[in-house]
Amino acid sequence: MKTAIFGGAFNPVHNGHVQAALCLRNAVQADRVLFMPSYLSPHKSSGALVSGQHRLNMLRLALREYPFFEISTLELDKQDISYTVETVRLLREQYPEDEFYLFIGADMFLTFDGWREWQSLLKQVTLCTVPRNHADLAALEQKKLQYEALGGKCILVDMPLADISSTELRRGEKQEYLNCEVKQYIYEHNLYTDAR
């Protein structure tokens, strides 16, 4: 079985996340995509990060029409910084027969060789990313060659890009990129008002 891991803060989850997951799932023919909301990321500051429960609730609303999308609370349950290599070890124990694909952003792909135990992780997963723009492509291709020279497997997925970031959504911009129910949830729970 092919399991794809799509980690992130999802603060909030938006249509760009869903579109990327659909394209990446299709590209690798994954049987399931595990959305993995982080408790705290070692790569980003936690400013304006709403609670794990709110982010989990928004993910459930955004993903419920997709039966092949699942949500894993592995990192939220830990309630501490999670390193991907540790998360993957736990998933491999949980699903010993599965082949794993790790979906990461282009910026993370370019700095992957700075992650904790990245060479070990490179042997356990196929790295997948989406170029943000054409300028990214040459740098991503170069990194892909470096990782493959070390025995890693990498896939660059071509997809139409949504010009959106969670930061813009927290500021109240580009609200059309939010699932209607997620937008309503944000309004009802008065989330991100301090980011505006």
C-alpha atoms as a PDB file:
ATOM      1  CA  MET A   1       0.000   0.000   0.000  1.00  0.00           C
ATOM      2  CA  LYS A   2       1.239   3.492  -0.817  1.00  0.00           C
ATOM      3  CA  THR A   3       0.907   6.015   1.988  1.00  0.00           C
ATOM      4  CA  ALA A   4       1.650   9.682   1.409  1.00  0.00           C
ATOM      5  CA  ILE A   5       2.434  11.946   4.363  1.00  0.00           C
ATOM      6  CA  PHE A   6       1.437  15.587   4.076  1.00  0.00           C
ATOM      7  CA  GLY A   7       2.596  17.478   7.148  1.00  0.00           C
ATOM      8  CA  GLY A   8       2.132  21.105   8.035  1.00  0.00           C
ATOM      9  CA  ALA A   9       0.638  23.597  10.440  1.00  0.00           C
ATOM     10  CA  PHE A  10      -2.573  23.882   8.347  1.00  0.00           C
ATOM     11  CA  ASN A  11      -3.118  27.215  10.089  1.00  0.00           C
ATOM     12  CA  PRO A  12      -5.652  27.333   8.461  1.00  0.00           C
ATOM     13  CA  VAL A  13      -6.047  24.568   5.876  1.00  0.00           C
ATOM     14  CA  HIS A  14      -6.975  26.050   2.485  1.00  0.00           C
ATOM     15  CA  ASN A  15      -7.893  24.964  -1.031  1.00  0.00           C
ATOM     16  CA  GLY A  16      -4.235  25.144  -2.105  1.00  0.00           C
ATOM     17  CA  HIS A  17      -3.384  22.402   0.396  1.00  0.00           C
ATOM     18  CA  VAL A  18      -6.216  20.230  -0.901  1.00  0.00           C
ATOM     19  CA  GLN A  19      -5.276  20.847  -4.556  1.00  0.00           C
ATOM     20  CA  ALA A  20      -1.623  19.994  -3.882  1.00  0.00           C
ATOM     21  CA  ALA A  21      -2.614  16.797  -2.060  1.00  0.00           C
ATOM     22  CA  LEU A  22      -4.886  15.734  -4.930  1.00  0.00           C
ATOM     23  CA  CYS A  23      -2.163  16.341  -7.542  1.00  0.00           C
ATOM     24  CA  LEU A  24       0.522  14.619  -5.500  1.00  0.00           C
ATOM     25  CA  ARG A  25      -1.756  11.669  -4.714  1.00  0.00           C
ATOM     26  CA  ASN A  26      -2.456  11.272  -8.408  1.00  0.00           C
ATOM     27  CA  ALA A  27       1.239  11.573  -9.328  1.00  0.00           C
ATOM     28  CA  VAL A  28       2.343   8.755  -7.014  1.00  0.00           C
ATOM     29  CA  GLN A  29      -0.931   6.764  -7.127  1.00  0.00           C
ATOM     30  CA  ALA A  30      -1.145   6.838  -3.326  1.00  0.00           C
ATOM     31  CA  ASP A  31      -3.789   4.682  -1.661  1.00  0.00           C
ATOM     32  CA  ARG A  32      -4.126   7.191   1.141  1.00  0.00           C
ATOM     33  CA  VAL A  33      -2.847  10.632   2.069  1.00  0.00           C
ATOM     34  CA  LEU A  34      -2.200  11.221   5.758  1.00  0.00           C
ATOM     35  CA  PHE A  35      -2.586  14.885   6.669  1.00  0.00           C
ATOM     36  CA  MET A  36      -0.295  15.364   9.659  1.00  0.00           C
ATOM     37  CA  PRO A  37      -0.928  18.629  11.530  1.00  0.00           C
ATOM     38  CA  SER A  38       2.127  19.629  13.552  1.00  0.00           C
ATOM     39  CA  TYR A  39       1.997  20.561  17.202  1.00  0.00           C
ATOM     40  CA  LEU A  40       5.094  22.742  16.846  1.00  0.00           C
ATOM     41  CA  SER A  41       7.337  22.778  13.808  1.00  0.00           C
ATOM     42  CA  PRO A  42      11.126  22.772  14.213  1.00  0.00           C
ATOM     43  CA  HIS A  43      11.254  24.879  11.012  1.00  0.00           C
ATOM     44  CA  LYS A  44       8.775  27.669  11.791  1.00  0.00           C
ATOM     45  CA  SER A  45       7.927  29.996  14.642  1.00  0.00           C
ATOM     46  CA  SER A  46       4.624  29.319  16.373  1.00  0.00           C
ATOM     47  CA  GLY A  47       3.375  32.927  16.120  1.00  0.00           C
ATOM     48  CA  ALA A  48      -0.375  33.153  15.363  1.00  0.00           C
ATOM     49  CA  LEU A  49      -0.686  29.359  15.604  1.00  0.00           C
ATOM     50  CA  VAL A  50      -4.183  28.457  16.806  1.00  0.00           C
ATOM     51  CA  SER A  51      -4.714  25.374  18.956  1.00  0.00           C
ATOM     52  CA  GLY A  52      -4.242  21.894  17.566  1.00  0.00           C
ATOM     53  CA  GLN A  53      -7.917  21.180  18.225  1.00  0.00           C
ATOM     54  CA  HIS A  54      -9.052  24.120  16.053  1.00  0.00           C
ATOM     55  CA  ARG A  55      -6.683  23.119  13.236  1.00  0.00           C
ATOM     56  CA  LEU A  56      -7.854  19.511  13.489  1.00  0.00           C
ATOM     57  CA  ASN A  57     -11.513  20.577  13.335  1.00  0.00           C
ATOM     58  CA  MET A  58     -10.842  22.732  10.251  1.00  0.00           C
ATOM     59  CA  LEU A  59      -9.024  19.839   8.553  1.00  0.00           C
ATOM     60  CA  ARG A  60     -11.991  17.547   9.211  1.00  0.00           C
ATOM     61  CA  LEU A  61     -14.329  20.076   7.589  1.00  0.00           C
ATOM     62  CA  ALA A  62     -12.066  20.638   4.564  1.00  0.00           C
ATOM     63  CA  LEU A  63     -11.334  16.955   3.884  1.00  0.00           C
ATOM     64  CA  ARG A  64     -14.547  15.123   4.640  1.00  0.00           C
ATOM     65  CA  GLU A  65     -15.611  14.713   1.013  1.00  0.00           C
ATOM     66  CA  TYR A  66     -12.340  12.880   0.174  1.00  0.00           C
ATOM     67  CA  PRO A  67     -12.380   9.280   1.471  1.00  0.00           C
ATOM     68  CA  PHE A  68      -8.700   8.702   0.590  1.00  0.00           C
ATOM     69  CA  PHE A  69      -7.599  11.633   2.792  1.00  0.00           C
ATOM     70  CA  GLU A  70      -7.025  10.733   6.430  1.00  0.00           C
ATOM     71  CA  ILE A  71      -5.874  12.818   9.363  1.00  0.00           C
ATOM     72  CA  SER A  72      -3.176  11.568  11.710  1.00  0.00           C
ATOM     73  CA  THR A  73      -2.903  13.155  15.163  1.00  0.00           C
ATOM     74  CA  LEU A  74       0.469  11.518  15.842  1.00  0.00           C
ATOM     75  CA  GLU A  75       2.341  14.835  16.102  1.00  0.00           C
ATOM     76  CA  LEU A  76      -0.474  16.735  17.840  1.00  0.00           C
ATOM     77  CA  ASP A  77      -0.750  13.994  20.468  1.00  0.00           C
ATOM     78  CA  LYS A  78       2.955  14.305  21.254  1.00  0.00           C
ATOM     79  CA  GLN A  79       2.445  17.942  22.343  1.00  0.00           C
ATOM     80  CA  ASP A  80       6.043  18.838  21.621  1.00  0.00           C
ATOM     81  CA  ILE A  81       8.256  19.576  18.623  1.00  0.00           C
ATOM     82  CA  SER A  82       8.149  16.625  16.221  1.00  0.00           C
ATOM     83  CA  TYR A  83      10.954  15.728  13.871  1.00  0.00           C
ATOM     84  CA  THR A  84       9.857  14.058  10.652  1.00  0.00           C
ATOM     85  CA  VAL A  85      12.355  11.225  11.012  1.00  0.00           C
ATOM     86  CA  GLU A  86      10.721  10.247  14.336  1.00  0.00           C
ATOM     87  CA  THR A  87       7.209  10.509  12.881  1.00  0.00           C
ATOM     88  CA  VAL A  88       8.170   8.294   9.927  1.00  0.00           C
ATOM     89  CA  ARG A  89       9.662   5.665  12.267  1.00  0.00           C
ATOM     90  CA  LEU A  90       6.369   5.520  14.168  1.00  0.00           C
ATOM     91  CA  LEU A  91       4.365   5.278  10.930  1.00  0.00           C
ATOM     92  CA  ARG A  92       6.610   2.483   9.657  1.00  0.00           C
ATOM     93  CA  GLU A  93       5.893   0.552  12.880  1.00  0.00           C
ATOM     94  CA  GLN A  94       2.163   1.200  12.423  1.00  0.00           C
ATOM     95  CA  TYR A  95       2.135   0.284   8.706  1.00  0.00           C
ATOM     96  CA  PRO A  96       5.136  -2.058   8.223  1.00  0.00           C
ATOM     97  CA  GLU A  97       4.106  -3.135   4.712  1.00  0.00           C
ATOM     98  CA  ASP A  98       3.583   0.381   3.318  1.00  0.00           C
ATOM     99  CA  GLU A  99       5.691   2.371   0.896  1.00  0.00           C
ATOM    100  CA  PHE A 100       5.963   5.981   2.115  1.00  0.00           C
ATOM    101  CA  TYR A 101       5.955   9.239   0.191  1.00  0.00           C
ATOM    102  CA  LEU A 102       6.699  12.506   1.964  1.00  0.00           C
ATOM    103  CA  PHE A 103       5.072  15.626   0.519  1.00  0.00           C
ATOM    104  CA  ILE A 104       6.995  18.796   1.426  1.00  0.00           C
ATOM    105  CA  GLY A 105       7.016  22.365   0.174  1.00  0.00           C
ATOM    106  CA  ALA A 106       9.648  23.556  -2.297  1.00  0.00           C
ATOM    107  CA  ASP A 107      11.401  25.614   0.395  1.00  0.00           C
ATOM    108  CA  MET A 108      11.584  22.549   2.655  1.00  0.00           C
ATOM    109  CA  PHE A 109      12.868  20.383  -0.224  1.00  0.00           C
ATOM    110  CA  LEU A 110      15.730  22.835  -0.812  1.00  0.00           C
ATOM    111  CA  THR A 111      16.732  22.784   2.863  1.00  0.00           C
ATOM    112  CA  PHE A 112      15.952  19.108   3.520  1.00  0.00           C
ATOM    113  CA  ASP A 113      19.672  18.357   3.960  1.00  0.00           C
ATOM    114  CA  GLY A 114      19.561  20.460   7.127  1.00  0.00           C
ATOM    115  CA  TRP A 115      16.833  18.344   8.757  1.00  0.00           C
ATOM    116  CA  ARG A 116      17.519  16.050  11.692  1.00  0.00           C
ATOM    117  CA  GLU A 117      18.835  12.651  10.481  1.00  0.00           C
ATOM    118  CA  TRP A 118      17.943  13.619   6.921  1.00  0.00           C
ATOM    119  CA  GLN A 119      20.079  10.899   5.319  1.00  0.00           C
ATOM    120  CA  SER A 120      18.261   8.227   7.322  1.00  0.00           C
ATOM    121  CA  LEU A 121      14.931   9.780   6.362  1.00  0.00           C
ATOM    122  CA  LEU A 122      15.964   9.908   2.704  1.00  0.00           C
ATOM    123  CA  LYS A 123      16.285   6.089   2.724  1.00  0.00           C
ATOM    124  CA  GLN A 124      12.810   5.612   4.255  1.00  0.00           C
ATOM    125  CA  VAL A 125      10.605   7.778   2.031  1.00  0.00           C
ATOM    126  CA  THR A 126      10.264   9.095  -1.504  1.00  0.00           C
ATOM    127  CA  LEU A 127      10.482  12.888  -1.327  1.00  0.00           C
ATOM    128  CA  CYS A 128       7.818  14.730  -3.313  1.00  0.00           C
ATOM    129  CA  THR A 129       7.453  18.442  -3.915  1.00  0.00           C
ATOM    130  CA  VAL A 130       5.763  20.989  -6.146  1.00  0.00           C
ATOM    131  CA  PRO A 131       7.706  23.908  -7.663  1.00  0.00           C
ATOM    132  CA  ARG A 132       6.174  27.241  -6.591  1.00  0.00           C
ATOM    133  CA  ASN A 133       7.254  28.890  -9.840  1.00  0.00           C
ATOM    134  CA  HIS A 134       9.543  28.351 -12.832  1.00  0.00           C
ATOM    135  CA  ALA A 135      12.433  30.050 -11.036  1.00  0.00           C
ATOM    136  CA  ASP A 136      12.323  27.259  -8.427  1.00  0.00           C
ATOM    137  CA  LEU A 137      12.668  24.514 -10.957  1.00  0.00           C
ATOM    138  CA  ALA A 138      16.429  24.675 -11.641  1.00  0.00           C
ATOM    139  CA  ALA A 139      17.267  24.739  -7.913  1.00  0.00           C
ATOM    140  CA  LEU A 140      14.877  21.849  -7.224  1.00  0.00           C
ATOM    141  CA  GLU A 141      16.292  19.780 -10.102  1.00  0.00           C
ATOM    142  CA  GLN A 142      19.819  20.355  -8.730  1.00  0.00           C
ATOM    143  CA  LYS A 143      18.813  19.253  -5.223  1.00  0.00           C
ATOM    144  CA  LYS A 144      16.961  16.256  -6.640  1.00  0.00           C
ATOM    145  CA  LEU A 145      20.184  15.108  -8.343  1.00  0.00           C
ATOM    146  CA  GLN A 146      22.130  15.531  -5.076  1.00  0.00           C
ATOM    147  CA  TYR A 147      19.623  13.485  -3.088  1.00  0.00           C
ATOM    148  CA  GLU A 148      19.439  10.777  -5.761  1.00  0.00           C
ATOM    149  CA  ALA A 149      23.241  10.528  -5.824  1.00  0.00           C
ATOM    150  CA  LEU A 150      22.950   9.516  -2.152  1.00  0.00           C
ATOM    151  CA  GLY A 151      20.387   6.814  -2.963  1.00  0.00           C
ATOM    152  CA  GLY A 152      17.281   8.899  -2.353  1.00  0.00           C
ATOM    153  CA  LYS A 153      14.131   8.867  -4.468  1.00  0.00           C
ATOM    154  CA  CYS A 154      12.518  12.183  -5.399  1.00  0.00           C
ATOM    155  CA  ILE A 155       9.548  13.296  -7.471  1.00  0.00           C
ATOM    156  CA  LEU A 156       8.888  16.847  -8.683  1.00  0.00           C
ATOM    157  CA  VAL A 157       5.199  17.197  -9.459  1.00  0.00           C
ATOM    158  CA  ASP A 158       3.955  19.671 -12.011  1.00  0.00           C
ATOM    159  CA  MET A 159       0.653  21.298 -11.054  1.00  0.00           C
ATOM    160  CA  PRO A 160      -1.196  24.571 -11.474  1.00  0.00           C
ATOM    161  CA  LEU A 161      -0.242  26.636  -8.468  1.00  0.00           C
ATOM    162  CA  ALA A 162      -2.627  28.472  -6.183  1.00  0.00           C
ATOM    163  CA  ASP A 163      -1.221  31.899  -5.338  1.00  0.00           C
ATOM    164  CA  ILE A 164      -2.106  31.669  -1.669  1.00  0.00           C
ATOM    165  CA  SER A 165      -0.520  31.360   1.750  1.00  0.00           C
ATOM    166  CA  SER A 166      -2.006  30.692   5.169  1.00  0.00           C
ATOM    167  CA  THR A 167      -0.449  33.988   6.323  1.00  0.00           C
ATOM    168  CA  GLU A 168      -2.640  35.912   3.859  1.00  0.00           C
ATOM    169  CA  LEU A 169      -5.722  34.042   5.049  1.00  0.00           C
ATOM    170  CA  ARG A 170      -4.937  34.826   8.690  1.00  0.00           C
ATOM    171  CA  ARG A 171      -4.793  38.512   7.716  1.00  0.00           C
ATOM    172  CA  GLY A 172      -8.286  38.198   6.231  1.00  0.00           C
ATOM    173  CA  GLU A 173      -7.091  38.253   2.600  1.00  0.00           C
ATOM    174  CA  LYS A 174      -8.001  35.890  -0.289  1.00  0.00           C
ATOM    175  CA  GLN A 175     -10.896  34.324   1.624  1.00  0.00           C
ATOM    176  CA  GLU A 176     -12.134  32.691  -1.600  1.00  0.00           C
ATOM    177  CA  TYR A 177      -9.402  30.064  -1.090  1.00  0.00           C
ATOM    178  CA  LEU A 178     -11.102  28.799   2.067  1.00  0.00           C
ATOM    179  CA  ASN A 179     -13.602  25.950   2.164  1.00  0.00           C
ATOM    180  CA  CYS A 180     -16.996  27.526   3.064  1.00  0.00           C
ATOM    181  CA  GLU A 181     -17.328  25.472   6.238  1.00  0.00           C
ATOM    182  CA  VAL A 182     -13.765  26.313   7.297  1.00  0.00           C
ATOM    183  CA  LYS A 183     -14.476  30.012   6.699  1.00  0.00           C
ATOM    184  CA  GLN A 184     -17.614  29.743   8.856  1.00  0.00           C
ATOM    185  CA  TYR A 185     -15.666  27.905  11.566  1.00  0.00           C
ATOM    186  CA  ILE A 186     -13.016  30.662  11.660  1.00  0.00           C
ATOM    187  CA  TYR A 187     -15.749  33.286  11.960  1.00  0.00           C
ATOM    188  CA  GLU A 188     -17.710  31.426  14.646  1.00  0.00           C
ATOM    189  CA  HIS A 189     -14.609  30.835  16.782  1.00  0.00           C
ATOM    190  CA  ASN A 190     -13.173  34.307  16.227  1.00  0.00           C
ATOM    191  CA  LEU A 191      -9.835  32.913  15.011  1.00  0.00           C
ATOM    192  CA  TYR A 192      -6.931  34.993  13.654  1.00  0.00           C
ATOM    193  CA  THR A 193      -8.463  38.328  14.641  1.00  0.00           C
ATOM    194  CA  ASP A 194      -5.132  39.391  16.193  1.00  0.00           C
ATOM    195  CA  ALA A 195      -3.339  38.743  12.859  1.00  0.00           C
ATOM    196  CA  ARG A 196      -5.366  41.446  11.062  1.00  0.00           C
END
